[in-house]
Amino acid sequence: MQKRFDNIILGIVLGIVAPIFGMFIYYCFTYRYQTSFGGFIDYFKSVNLFIATISLSCYISNLPLFFLFIWREHYNTARGILFATVAYTVWVMYQKFF
């Protein structure tokens, strides 16, 4: 029963959703009274910080998840989170240089 959460698909979904959730939490603590979430995203795009924000949010949110699942011995889920982090990294590198 404990290995129910040990699959790669769950890790990929968590690895993709966690950075977006992390950005939303950052928005709630900093810009909630100033603008909407869409305005928050547009602001970061206008000052050319959107890619940097996404990459930082990806690493900050996925790192604790990765180590949590490693600690709980759910290695396949941790593998999925690592795959999503690498996918985000490839996307960020593409956006930065092409």
Protein backbone atom coordinates (compact mmCIF):
# COMPACT_ATOMS: atom_id res chain seq x y z
CA MET A 1 0.00 0.00 0.00
CA GLN A 2 2.87 2.36 0.71
CA LYS A 3 4.21 1.94 -2.84
CA ARG A 4 0.90 3.17 -4.29
CA PHE A 5 2.42 6.59 -4.91
CA ASP A 6 5.57 5.16 -6.48
CA ASN A 7 5.14 5.69 -10.22
CA ILE A 8 6.87 7.82 -12.80
CA ILE A 9 3.70 9.48 -14.14
CA LEU A 10 2.89 10.92 -10.71
CA GLY A 11 6.42 12.28 -10.48
CA ILE A 12 6.20 13.92 -13.91
CA VAL A 13 2.86 15.53 -13.07
CA LEU A 14 4.15 16.77 -9.70
CA GLY A 15 7.34 18.02 -11.33
CA ILE A 16 5.38 20.01 -13.92
CA VAL A 17 2.72 21.41 -11.58
CA ALA A 18 4.97 22.29 -8.61
CA PRO A 19 6.82 25.22 -10.31
CA ILE A 20 3.52 26.77 -11.39
CA PHE A 21 2.18 26.36 -7.87
CA GLY A 22 5.42 27.84 -6.50
CA MET A 23 5.04 30.89 -8.72
CA PHE A 24 1.45 31.27 -7.54
CA ILE A 25 2.54 31.13 -3.88
CA TYR A 26 5.17 33.79 -4.62
CA TYR A 27 2.49 35.91 -6.28
CA CYS A 28 0.19 35.54 -3.28
CA PHE A 29 2.84 36.77 -0.88
CA THR A 30 4.19 39.65 -2.97
CA TYR A 31 1.87 40.98 -5.69
CA ARG A 32 -1.62 39.85 -4.69
CA TYR A 33 -2.91 43.33 -3.85
CA GLN A 34 -1.22 45.05 -6.77
CA THR A 35 -2.25 43.01 -9.81
CA SER A 36 -3.90 39.80 -10.98
CA PHE A 37 -1.93 36.61 -11.60
CA GLY A 38 -2.08 37.28 -15.35
CA GLY A 39 -0.73 40.78 -14.77
CA PHE A 40 2.02 39.27 -12.63
CA ILE A 41 3.04 36.96 -15.49
CA ASP A 42 2.82 39.82 -18.02
CA TYR A 43 5.03 42.00 -15.81
CA PHE A 44 7.77 39.38 -15.68
CA LYS A 45 7.51 38.90 -19.45
CA SER A 46 7.81 42.65 -20.03
CA VAL A 47 11.01 42.99 -18.00
CA ASN A 48 12.47 39.80 -19.56
CA LEU A 49 12.57 37.88 -16.27
CA PHE A 50 9.92 35.27 -17.04
CA ILE A 51 12.37 32.53 -18.07
CA ALA A 52 14.59 33.18 -15.06
CA THR A 53 11.57 33.12 -12.75
CA ILE A 54 10.33 29.84 -14.21
CA SER A 55 13.74 28.18 -13.87
CA LEU A 56 14.23 29.38 -10.31
CA SER A 57 10.71 28.32 -9.38
CA CYS A 58 11.34 24.93 -10.94
CA TYR A 59 14.44 24.22 -8.91
CA ILE A 60 13.12 25.63 -5.65
CA SER A 61 9.87 23.69 -5.79
CA ASN A 62 11.10 20.41 -7.30
CA LEU A 63 14.16 19.97 -5.09
CA PRO A 64 12.23 19.44 -1.83
CA LEU A 65 9.77 17.16 -3.62
CA PHE A 66 12.60 15.11 -5.08
CA PHE A 67 14.30 14.63 -1.72
CA LEU A 68 10.97 13.93 0.02
CA PHE A 69 10.25 11.05 -2.33
CA ILE A 70 13.83 9.78 -2.10
CA TRP A 71 13.55 9.84 1.70
CA ARG A 72 10.24 7.95 1.52
CA GLU A 73 11.88 5.43 -0.86
CA HIS A 74 9.53 6.20 -3.76
CA TYR A 75 12.29 6.07 -6.32
CA ASN A 76 10.11 5.97 -9.43
CA THR A 77 8.26 9.13 -8.39
CA ALA A 78 11.57 10.84 -7.68
CA ARG A 79 12.72 9.73 -11.13
CA GLY A 80 9.63 11.37 -12.67
CA ILE A 81 10.29 14.62 -10.79
CA LEU A 82 13.88 14.56 -12.01
CA PHE A 83 12.67 13.99 -15.58
CA ALA A 84 10.28 16.97 -15.34
CA THR A 85 13.09 19.15 -13.95
CA VAL A 86 15.35 18.15 -16.83
CA ALA A 87 12.53 18.87 -19.29
CA TYR A 88 12.07 22.35 -17.77
CA THR A 89 15.83 22.88 -17.99
CA VAL A 90 15.90 21.94 -21.67
CA TRP A 91 12.97 24.28 -22.34
CA VAL A 92 14.67 27.14 -20.47
CA MET A 93 17.93 26.60 -22.35
CA TYR A 94 16.03 26.61 -25.64
CA GLN A 95 14.23 29.84 -24.70
CA LYS A 96 17.46 31.52 -23.60
CA PHE A 97 19.61 30.68 -26.60
CA PHE A 98 17.23 30.26 -29.56
